[in-house]
Amino acid sequence: MADVIYKFLSVENAFRVMEQHELKVSLVRELNDIYDCQPIFGPAADESGYLNRASVEAMVASAPDIYGVLCFSKRYRSPLLWGHYAEQAKGLALGFDPTRFAFADKMDVEYREIRPVVKWPVDKVPDESYHQQLMKEHFGVKAREWNYEEEVRYVVYLGRCMPRTRMYFSEFNPCALREVVVGPRSSVTPVYLRHFLASHYKGIGVSLYTAHMHPERYEIEGQRFPPNQLFVS
């Protein structure tokens, strides 16, 4: 099985995701990093072989109205992730198998000191490889300070998403859900989650973990909920 990637959510949103089999798409203008999706435009407009600056800027500026992003993390052990995205560690982390997604190829976010520069290819019409590079530079690069997230992204076309109350949602195959991790401060009991998963994900084999503070390190560790635990009311 492929490496699991995690989505950190409040309890309410996590159960909504699991019940409806859909993820909220993040719009570019709502991202919490002001530099996110903000590359530098270059080179100068009068340099030979390049499209003029205004055309490049117009092309990239239209991206927020066309695309959104689905954001995940490669691990659940960072206390920052729990604090920032899972209701101060009271929420849940949902672990997904990316090979079960119908989204386009996943994008591992790259962390840099310097913002990427968007350039027009010299003396040729933009092709598919250029388009892929443009998408990477636009959506797949963030400041180095964000590297604790170890983020994985999918860029999705908003026209194929489900609009609802000024938000967009993208469906996923229920078989993509592989793990549920209960936050260290969560009031949700593993027994309740076992009943829920047995009802909504019967036969899929979703693993259940409870998260705890590591006794020595600034790290969250997960303990698998015993598969033979008796259901209690």
Protein backbone atom coordinates (compact mmCIF):
# COMPACT_ATOMS: atom_id res chain seq x y z
CA MET A 1 0.00 0.00 0.00
CA ALA A 2 1.19 3.54 -0.71
CA ASP A 3 2.29 5.87 2.06
CA VAL A 4 -0.65 7.37 3.90
CA ILE A 5 -1.20 11.15 3.79
CA TYR A 6 -3.13 12.98 6.48
CA LYS A 7 -5.85 15.62 6.63
CA PHE A 8 -6.22 17.41 9.99
CA LEU A 9 -9.76 18.51 10.82
CA SER A 10 -12.08 19.53 13.61
CA VAL A 11 -14.31 16.75 14.93
CA GLU A 12 -17.37 18.20 13.18
CA ASN A 13 -15.65 18.54 9.82
CA ALA A 14 -13.94 15.15 10.08
CA PHE A 15 -17.25 13.34 10.56
CA ARG A 16 -18.79 15.34 7.73
CA VAL A 17 -15.93 14.28 5.45
CA MET A 18 -16.32 10.64 6.44
CA GLU A 19 -20.10 10.66 6.06
CA GLN A 20 -20.27 12.50 2.74
CA HIS A 21 -17.05 11.17 1.18
CA GLU A 22 -15.98 14.60 0.05
CA LEU A 23 -13.20 17.05 0.89
CA LYS A 24 -13.42 20.83 0.99
CA VAL A 25 -11.25 22.44 -1.67
CA SER A 26 -9.06 25.31 -0.47
CA LEU A 27 -9.39 28.39 -2.64
CA VAL A 28 -6.16 30.23 -3.38
CA ARG A 29 -7.43 33.49 -1.87
CA GLU A 30 -8.23 31.70 1.41
CA LEU A 31 -4.80 30.12 1.98
CA ASN A 32 -3.22 31.18 5.27
CA ASP A 33 0.21 31.99 3.80
CA ILE A 34 0.18 35.36 2.01
CA TYR A 35 3.07 34.20 -0.21
CA ASP A 36 1.28 31.00 -1.24
CA CYS A 37 0.76 30.91 -5.03
CA GLN A 38 2.61 34.21 -5.39
CA PRO A 39 5.58 33.62 -7.73
CA ILE A 40 7.78 36.36 -9.15
CA PHE A 41 7.20 37.35 -12.77
CA GLY A 42 10.25 37.60 -14.98
CA PRO A 43 12.31 38.34 -16.88
CA ALA A 44 11.84 41.92 -18.11
CA ALA A 45 9.20 42.44 -20.80
CA ASP A 46 11.68 43.68 -23.38
CA GLU A 47 13.94 40.60 -23.23
CA SER A 48 13.94 38.68 -26.50
CA GLY A 49 11.98 35.44 -26.79
CA TYR A 50 9.62 35.97 -23.89
CA LEU A 51 5.96 36.86 -23.67
CA ASN A 52 5.43 40.34 -22.30
CA ARG A 53 5.09 40.70 -18.55
CA ALA A 54 1.45 41.77 -18.62
CA SER A 55 0.43 38.59 -20.47
CA VAL A 56 2.24 36.33 -18.01
CA GLU A 57 0.74 38.18 -15.05
CA ALA A 58 -2.75 37.94 -16.52
CA MET A 59 -2.35 34.22 -17.13
CA VAL A 60 -1.18 33.46 -13.60
CA ALA A 61 -3.62 35.90 -11.99
CA SER A 62 -6.53 33.94 -13.48
CA ALA A 63 -5.45 30.72 -11.71
CA PRO A 64 -7.35 31.40 -8.44
CA ASP A 65 -10.62 31.51 -10.36
CA ILE A 66 -9.91 28.23 -12.14
CA TYR A 67 -8.06 26.00 -9.66
CA GLY A 68 -8.21 25.06 -5.99
CA VAL A 69 -6.02 22.84 -3.84
CA LEU A 70 -6.46 19.84 -1.58
CA CYS A 71 -3.82 19.89 1.15
CA PHE A 72 -2.45 16.97 3.19
CA SER A 73 0.59 16.15 5.31
CA LYS A 74 2.95 13.19 5.06
CA ARG A 75 2.83 12.56 8.81
CA TYR A 76 0.75 13.19 11.91
CA ARG A 77 3.53 13.46 14.51
CA SER A 78 4.00 17.24 14.49
CA PRO A 79 2.25 18.99 17.43
CA LEU A 80 2.11 22.13 15.28
CA LEU A 81 -0.17 20.41 12.78
CA TRP A 82 -2.53 19.29 15.53
CA GLY A 83 -2.53 22.74 17.09
CA HIS A 84 -3.06 24.68 13.86
CA TYR A 85 -5.43 22.46 11.90
CA ALA A 86 -7.16 20.01 14.26
CA GLU A 87 -8.99 22.26 16.70
CA GLN A 88 -6.05 22.60 19.12
CA ALA A 89 -5.52 18.81 19.09
CA LYS A 90 -9.18 18.11 19.89
CA GLY A 91 -9.91 17.03 16.33
CA LEU A 92 -9.02 14.07 14.13
CA ALA A 93 -6.47 13.26 11.45
CA LEU A 94 -7.82 11.26 8.52
CA GLY A 95 -5.25 9.13 6.71
CA PHE A 96 -5.76 8.51 2.99
CA ASP A 97 -4.17 6.19 0.45
CA PRO A 98 -3.25 8.52 -2.44
CA THR A 99 -3.35 5.69 -4.97
CA ARG A 100 -7.11 5.49 -4.35
CA PHE A 101 -7.69 9.13 -5.26
CA ALA A 102 -9.05 10.08 -8.67
CA PHE A 103 -7.30 13.45 -8.48
CA ALA A 104 -4.35 14.34 -10.69
CA ASP A 105 -0.81 13.36 -9.69
CA LYS A 106 0.08 14.47 -6.20
CA MET A 107 2.50 17.34 -5.73
CA ASP A 108 5.09 17.29 -2.95
CA VAL A 109 5.48 20.88 -1.79
CA GLU A 110 9.02 22.24 -2.01
CA TYR A 111 10.29 24.68 0.61
CA ARG A 112 12.68 27.46 -0.39
CA GLU A 113 14.22 30.71 0.80
CA ILE A 114 13.57 32.47 -2.52
CA ARG A 115 10.25 32.72 -4.36
CA PRO A 116 9.99 30.94 -7.72
CA VAL A 117 10.23 32.94 -10.94
CA VAL A 118 7.65 32.40 -13.67
CA LYS A 119 9.24 32.64 -17.12
CA TRP A 120 7.91 32.18 -20.62
CA PRO A 121 9.77 29.53 -22.65
CA VAL A 122 12.29 30.99 -25.08
CA ASP A 123 11.43 30.83 -28.80
CA LYS A 124 8.74 28.16 -28.58
CA VAL A 125 5.06 27.68 -27.89
CA PRO A 126 4.35 26.52 -24.31
CA ASP A 127 3.92 22.73 -24.22
CA GLU A 128 2.73 20.23 -21.61
CA SER A 129 6.09 20.09 -19.82
CA TYR A 130 6.07 23.87 -19.49
CA HIS A 131 2.52 23.79 -18.16
CA GLN A 132 3.50 21.21 -15.53
CA GLN A 133 6.47 23.30 -14.47
CA LEU A 134 4.29 26.40 -14.27
CA MET A 135 1.80 24.58 -12.03
CA LYS A 136 4.64 23.37 -9.80
CA GLU A 137 6.13 26.84 -9.42
CA HIS A 138 2.72 28.36 -8.79
CA PHE A 139 1.14 25.82 -6.42
CA GLY A 140 4.02 23.67 -5.18
CA VAL A 141 6.54 26.05 -3.58
CA LYS A 142 6.30 27.65 -0.13
CA ALA A 143 8.59 29.47 2.28
CA ARG A 144 11.02 27.31 4.25
CA GLU A 145 9.28 28.16 7.53
CA TRP A 146 6.38 25.93 6.49
CA ASN A 147 8.48 22.79 6.08
CA TYR A 148 7.15 21.25 9.30
CA GLU A 149 3.93 20.55 7.39
CA GLU A 150 5.62 18.16 4.92
CA GLU A 151 2.72 19.06 2.67
CA VAL A 152 1.28 17.13 -0.23
CA ARG A 153 -1.11 18.88 -2.60
CA TYR A 154 -3.53 18.12 -5.39
CA VAL A 155 -4.48 20.93 -7.75
CA VAL A 156 -8.11 20.50 -8.78
CA TYR A 157 -10.19 22.20 -11.46
CA LEU A 158 -13.02 24.07 -9.76
CA GLY A 159 -15.31 23.44 -12.71
CA ARG A 160 -15.32 19.74 -11.80
CA CYS A 161 -15.98 20.31 -8.10
CA MET A 162 -19.33 20.60 -6.34
CA PRO A 163 -20.15 24.24 -5.46
CA ARG A 164 -22.12 24.73 -2.26
CA THR A 165 -22.62 27.86 -0.14
CA ARG A 166 -19.67 29.66 -1.73
CA MET A 167 -17.40 26.66 -1.16
CA TYR A 168 -16.22 23.82 -3.38
CA PHE A 169 -16.04 20.12 -2.56
CA SER A 170 -14.39 17.17 -4.27
CA GLU A 171 -15.56 13.58 -3.86
CA PHE A 172 -13.25 10.70 -2.94
CA ASN A 173 -13.59 6.94 -3.10
CA PRO A 174 -14.46 5.61 0.39
CA CYS A 175 -11.73 2.98 -0.09
CA ALA A 176 -9.19 5.82 0.04
CA LEU A 177 -9.70 6.26 3.78
CA ARG A 178 -7.16 4.03 5.54
CA GLU A 179 -6.65 5.51 9.02
CA VAL A 180 -8.37 7.67 11.59
CA VAL A 181 -6.21 9.21 14.34
CA VAL A 182 -7.98 10.60 17.40
CA GLY A 183 -6.37 13.80 18.69
CA PRO A 184 -4.67 13.89 22.11
CA ARG A 185 -7.34 16.24 23.50
CA SER A 186 -10.30 14.79 21.64
CA SER A 187 -13.49 13.85 23.46
CA VAL A 188 -14.33 11.31 20.74
CA THR A 189 -13.91 7.79 22.07
CA PRO A 190 -12.28 5.04 19.99
CA VAL A 191 -15.23 2.78 20.74
CA TYR A 192 -17.65 5.29 19.22
CA LEU A 193 -15.43 5.61 16.17
CA ARG A 194 -15.30 1.83 15.81
CA HIS A 195 -19.09 1.74 15.64
CA PHE A 196 -19.13 4.64 13.17
CA LEU A 197 -16.55 3.07 10.87
CA ALA A 198 -18.28 -0.31 11.05
CA SER A 199 -21.46 1.40 9.85
CA HIS A 200 -20.03 3.73 7.18
CA TYR A 201 -16.90 1.86 6.02
CA LYS A 202 -17.87 -1.76 6.46
CA GLY A 203 -15.42 -4.16 4.83
CA ILE A 204 -12.88 -1.46 3.95
CA GLY A 205 -10.58 -2.06 6.91
CA VAL A 206 -9.91 1.43 8.26
CA SER A 207 -7.30 1.40 11.04
CA LEU A 208 -7.97 3.39 14.19
CA TYR A 209 -5.30 5.10 16.30
CA THR A 210 -5.28 7.26 19.41
CA ALA A 211 -2.69 10.05 19.54
CA HIS A 212 -0.68 10.82 22.68
CA MET A 213 2.03 13.23 23.76
CA HIS A 214 5.46 11.62 23.63
CA PRO A 215 6.87 11.41 27.20
CA GLU A 216 10.24 12.94 26.20
CA ARG A 217 10.13 14.54 22.75
CA TYR A 218 7.99 17.31 21.28
CA GLU A 219 6.20 14.76 19.16
CA ILE A 220 2.82 13.09 18.87
CA GLU A 221 2.79 9.31 18.85
CA GLY A 222 -0.06 7.06 17.80
CA GLN A 223 -1.25 3.85 19.42
CA ARG A 224 -3.38 1.47 17.43
CA PHE A 225 -6.75 0.77 18.94
CA PRO A 226 -6.86 -3.02 19.56
CA PRO A 227 -8.70 -4.72 16.67
CA ASN A 228 -10.30 -7.20 19.09
CA GLN A 229 -11.64 -4.50 21.44
CA LEU A 230 -15.20 -5.32 22.46
CA PHE A 231 -17.92 -2.88 21.43
CA VAL A 232 -19.64 -1.33 24.42
CA SER A 233 -22.63 0.95 24.56
